[in-house]
Structure formats: structure tokens, C-alpha cells
């Protein structure tokens, strides 16, 4: 079993990052968390999280009021879900941030 974890900054201002954690056995991902976090009002806020908690790969779209929406990923295995999660967040983090900021109270 091999565990990996790292932070990947998405913006040059270092105010947007991915937090990546995964467990790999015999070349296959057995669990993972890929979370997009933004530095808003002085605190790191989780905005979107992909993970394998609850026994299946899914996406949690988080809201400033503490609620979230769980969306299952219909992919053949965790390797593909892990790759998809990283690619989606690298490509769409600005969109996710904008939506979260629009929901924040003034």
C-alpha cells in the first residue's frame, strides 16, 4: 500500500489550491480525496470535493451555508474517477469559485 498526498496551487496568487490524497495498492487507487479550496476572507474554504467516502466515488459541491450536494461518479473504477476529479478541478476551478462567492453572505 502506498499513500500519497500533496497540495497543488492553481493560481499565481496562491489563493486557490487542490488538496490531493490517495491510497494505491498494486497500481490501483483504492481510495482518494481531491478537494478544491479557495482562500476567501482570510480562511481556506473547501468548495468542491471528490472522494470515495461512503464506499463510492462522488463529488460534493459545497456551499457557504455548510450544505452540500452529493453527485455520484459513474466511472468504471477509482483510477478513472481520481483522474477525472483532478482534470475537472484544474479546468473549472474559476467557475466553482465564482459560484461559491456569489452565494456568500455580504
C-alpha atoms as a PDB file:
ATOM      1  CA  UNK A   1       0.000   0.000   0.000  1.00  0.00           C
ATOM      2  CA  UNK A   2       1.293   3.434  -0.959  1.00  0.00           C
ATOM      3  CA  UNK A   3      -0.140   6.690   0.363  1.00  0.00           C
ATOM      4  CA  UNK A   4       0.331   9.985  -1.405  1.00  0.00           C
ATOM      5  CA  UNK A   5      -0.664  13.497  -0.540  1.00  0.00           C
ATOM      6  CA  UNK A   6       0.177  16.954  -1.821  1.00  0.00           C
ATOM      7  CA  UNK A   7      -1.072  20.500  -2.380  1.00  0.00           C
ATOM      8  CA  UNK A   8      -1.181  21.914  -5.914  1.00  0.00           C
ATOM      9  CA  UNK A   9      -1.642  25.665  -6.297  1.00  0.00           C
ATOM     10  CA  UNK A  10      -3.907  26.679  -9.178  1.00  0.00           C
ATOM     11  CA  UNK A  11      -3.426  30.465  -9.160  1.00  0.00           C
ATOM     12  CA  UNK A  12      -0.268  32.532  -9.226  1.00  0.00           C
ATOM     13  CA  UNK A  13      -1.597  34.430  -6.197  1.00  0.00           C
ATOM     14  CA  UNK A  14      -1.624  31.081  -4.327  1.00  0.00           C
ATOM     15  CA  UNK A  15      -5.241  31.668  -3.256  1.00  0.00           C
ATOM     16  CA  UNK A  16      -6.611  28.560  -4.979  1.00  0.00           C
ATOM     17  CA  UNK A  17      -5.344  25.037  -4.443  1.00  0.00           C
ATOM     18  CA  UNK A  18      -6.053  21.355  -4.768  1.00  0.00           C
ATOM     19  CA  UNK A  19      -5.572  19.132  -1.748  1.00  0.00           C
ATOM     20  CA  UNK A  20      -4.890  15.616  -3.054  1.00  0.00           C
ATOM     21  CA  UNK A  21      -4.733  12.408  -1.023  1.00  0.00           C
ATOM     22  CA  UNK A  22      -4.854   8.857  -2.319  1.00  0.00           C
ATOM     23  CA  UNK A  23      -4.086   5.271  -1.380  1.00  0.00           C
ATOM     24  CA  UNK A  24      -2.755   2.950  -4.062  1.00  0.00           C
ATOM     25  CA  UNK A  25      -2.364  -0.825  -3.930  1.00  0.00           C
ATOM     26  CA  UNK A  26      -0.846  -2.914  -6.724  1.00  0.00           C
ATOM     27  CA  UNK A  27      -1.157   0.000  -9.166  1.00  0.00           C
ATOM     28  CA  UNK A  28      -4.821   0.701  -8.407  1.00  0.00           C
ATOM     29  CA  UNK A  29      -6.288   3.607  -6.449  1.00  0.00           C
ATOM     30  CA  UNK A  30      -8.278   2.181  -3.526  1.00  0.00           C
ATOM     31  CA  UNK A  31      -9.399   5.495  -2.016  1.00  0.00           C
ATOM     32  CA  UNK A  32      -8.913   9.184  -2.684  1.00  0.00           C
ATOM     33  CA  UNK A  33      -9.857  12.750  -1.856  1.00  0.00           C
ATOM     34  CA  UNK A  34      -9.323  15.624  -4.282  1.00  0.00           C
ATOM     35  CA  UNK A  35     -10.551  18.921  -2.868  1.00  0.00           C
ATOM     36  CA  UNK A  36     -10.561  22.419  -4.358  1.00  0.00           C
ATOM     37  CA  UNK A  37     -10.029  25.084  -1.700  1.00  0.00           C
ATOM     38  CA  UNK A  38     -10.018  28.870  -2.048  1.00  0.00           C
ATOM     39  CA  UNK A  39      -8.632  31.497   0.288  1.00  0.00           C
ATOM     40  CA  UNK A  40     -11.669  33.692   0.983  1.00  0.00           C
ATOM     41  CA  UNK A  41     -11.859  36.357   3.682  1.00  0.00           C
ATOM     42  CA  UNK A  42      -8.637  35.070   5.215  1.00  0.00           C
ATOM     43  CA  UNK A  43      -9.663  31.396   5.530  1.00  0.00           C
ATOM     44  CA  UNK A  44      -9.276  28.346   3.304  1.00  0.00           C
ATOM     45  CA  UNK A  45     -12.754  27.246   2.250  1.00  0.00           C
ATOM     46  CA  UNK A  46     -13.462  23.820   0.737  1.00  0.00           C
ATOM     47  CA  UNK A  47     -15.595  24.404  -2.369  1.00  0.00           C
ATOM     48  CA  UNK A  48     -15.641  21.107  -4.281  1.00  0.00           C
ATOM     49  CA  UNK A  49     -14.539  17.695  -3.058  1.00  0.00           C
ATOM     50  CA  UNK A  50     -14.271  14.433  -4.950  1.00  0.00           C
ATOM     51  CA  UNK A  51     -13.797  11.386  -2.757  1.00  0.00           C
ATOM     52  CA  UNK A  52     -14.555   7.743  -2.134  1.00  0.00           C
ATOM     53  CA  UNK A  53     -16.121   8.103   1.315  1.00  0.00           C
ATOM     54  CA  UNK A  54     -19.318   6.107   1.796  1.00  0.00           C
ATOM     55  CA  UNK A  55     -17.952   3.356  -0.481  1.00  0.00           C
ATOM     56  CA  UNK A  56     -18.383   5.039  -3.866  1.00  0.00           C
ATOM     57  CA  UNK A  57     -16.733   7.775  -5.916  1.00  0.00           C
ATOM     58  CA  UNK A  58     -18.669  11.020  -5.834  1.00  0.00           C
ATOM     59  CA  UNK A  59     -18.447  14.798  -5.996  1.00  0.00           C
ATOM     60  CA  UNK A  60     -19.546  17.072  -3.154  1.00  0.00           C
ATOM     61  CA  UNK A  61     -20.404  20.592  -4.262  1.00  0.00           C
ATOM     62  CA  UNK A  62     -20.142  22.617  -1.055  1.00  0.00           C
ATOM     63  CA  UNK A  63     -21.943  25.851  -0.178  1.00  0.00           C
ATOM     64  CA  UNK A  64     -21.037  28.703   2.203  1.00  0.00           C
ATOM     65  CA  UNK A  65     -24.012  27.882   4.452  1.00  0.00           C
ATOM     66  CA  UNK A  66     -22.496  24.463   5.193  1.00  0.00           C
ATOM     67  CA  UNK A  67     -24.791  22.424   2.955  1.00  0.00           C
ATOM     68  CA  UNK A  68     -23.642  20.339   0.047  1.00  0.00           C
ATOM     69  CA  UNK A  69     -24.816  18.363  -2.939  1.00  0.00           C
ATOM     70  CA  UNK A  70     -23.554  14.805  -3.481  1.00  0.00           C
ATOM     71  CA  UNK A  71     -23.255  13.685  -7.106  1.00  0.00           C
ATOM     72  CA  UNK A  72     -22.181  10.074  -7.834  1.00  0.00           C
ATOM     73  CA  UNK A  73     -19.493   9.479 -10.443  1.00  0.00           C
ATOM     74  CA  UNK A  74     -20.451   6.780 -12.892  1.00  0.00           C
ATOM     75  CA  UNK A  75     -16.946   5.733 -13.911  1.00  0.00           C
ATOM     76  CA  UNK A  76     -15.618   2.167 -14.141  1.00  0.00           C
ATOM     77  CA  UNK A  77     -13.011   2.422 -11.374  1.00  0.00           C
ATOM     78  CA  UNK A  78     -11.356   4.695  -8.830  1.00  0.00           C
ATOM     79  CA  UNK A  79      -8.330   5.277 -11.092  1.00  0.00           C
ATOM     80  CA  UNK A  80     -10.563   6.914 -13.691  1.00  0.00           C
ATOM     81  CA  UNK A  81     -12.543   8.817 -11.057  1.00  0.00           C
ATOM     82  CA  UNK A  82      -9.314  10.130  -9.481  1.00  0.00           C
ATOM     83  CA  UNK A  83      -8.004  11.307 -12.846  1.00  0.00           C
ATOM     84  CA  UNK A  84     -11.355  12.871 -13.740  1.00  0.00           C
ATOM     85  CA  UNK A  85     -11.508  14.730 -10.414  1.00  0.00           C
ATOM     86  CA  UNK A  86      -8.085  16.321 -10.886  1.00  0.00           C
ATOM     87  CA  UNK A  87      -8.784  17.264 -14.506  1.00  0.00           C
ATOM     88  CA  UNK A  88     -12.200  18.758 -13.695  1.00  0.00           C
ATOM     89  CA  UNK A  89     -10.913  20.887 -10.846  1.00  0.00           C
ATOM     90  CA  UNK A  90      -7.889  22.119 -12.794  1.00  0.00           C
ATOM     91  CA  UNK A  91     -10.142  23.110 -15.693  1.00  0.00           C
ATOM     92  CA  UNK A  92     -13.150  24.554 -13.842  1.00  0.00           C
ATOM     93  CA  UNK A  93     -11.878  25.919 -10.508  1.00  0.00           C
ATOM     94  CA  UNK A  94     -12.591  29.528 -11.522  1.00  0.00           C
ATOM     95  CA  UNK A  95     -16.222  28.649 -12.258  1.00  0.00           C
ATOM     96  CA  UNK A  96     -16.602  26.818  -8.944  1.00  0.00           C
ATOM     97  CA  UNK A  97     -15.071  29.761  -7.057  1.00  0.00           C
ATOM     98  CA  UNK A  98     -17.350  32.267  -8.776  1.00  0.00           C
ATOM     99  CA  UNK A  99     -20.458  30.261  -7.864  1.00  0.00           C
ATOM    100  CA  UNK A 100     -19.350  29.905  -4.248  1.00  0.00           C
ATOM    101  CA  UNK A 101     -18.550  33.623  -3.928  1.00  0.00           C
ATOM    102  CA  UNK A 102     -21.967  34.550  -5.336  1.00  0.00           C
ATOM    103  CA  UNK A 103     -23.599  32.517  -2.552  1.00  0.00           C
ATOM    104  CA  UNK A 104     -21.525  34.063   0.251  1.00  0.00           C
ATOM    105  CA  UNK A 105     -23.365  36.478   2.535  1.00  0.00           C
ATOM    106  CA  UNK A 106     -22.192  40.076   2.343  1.00  0.00           C
END
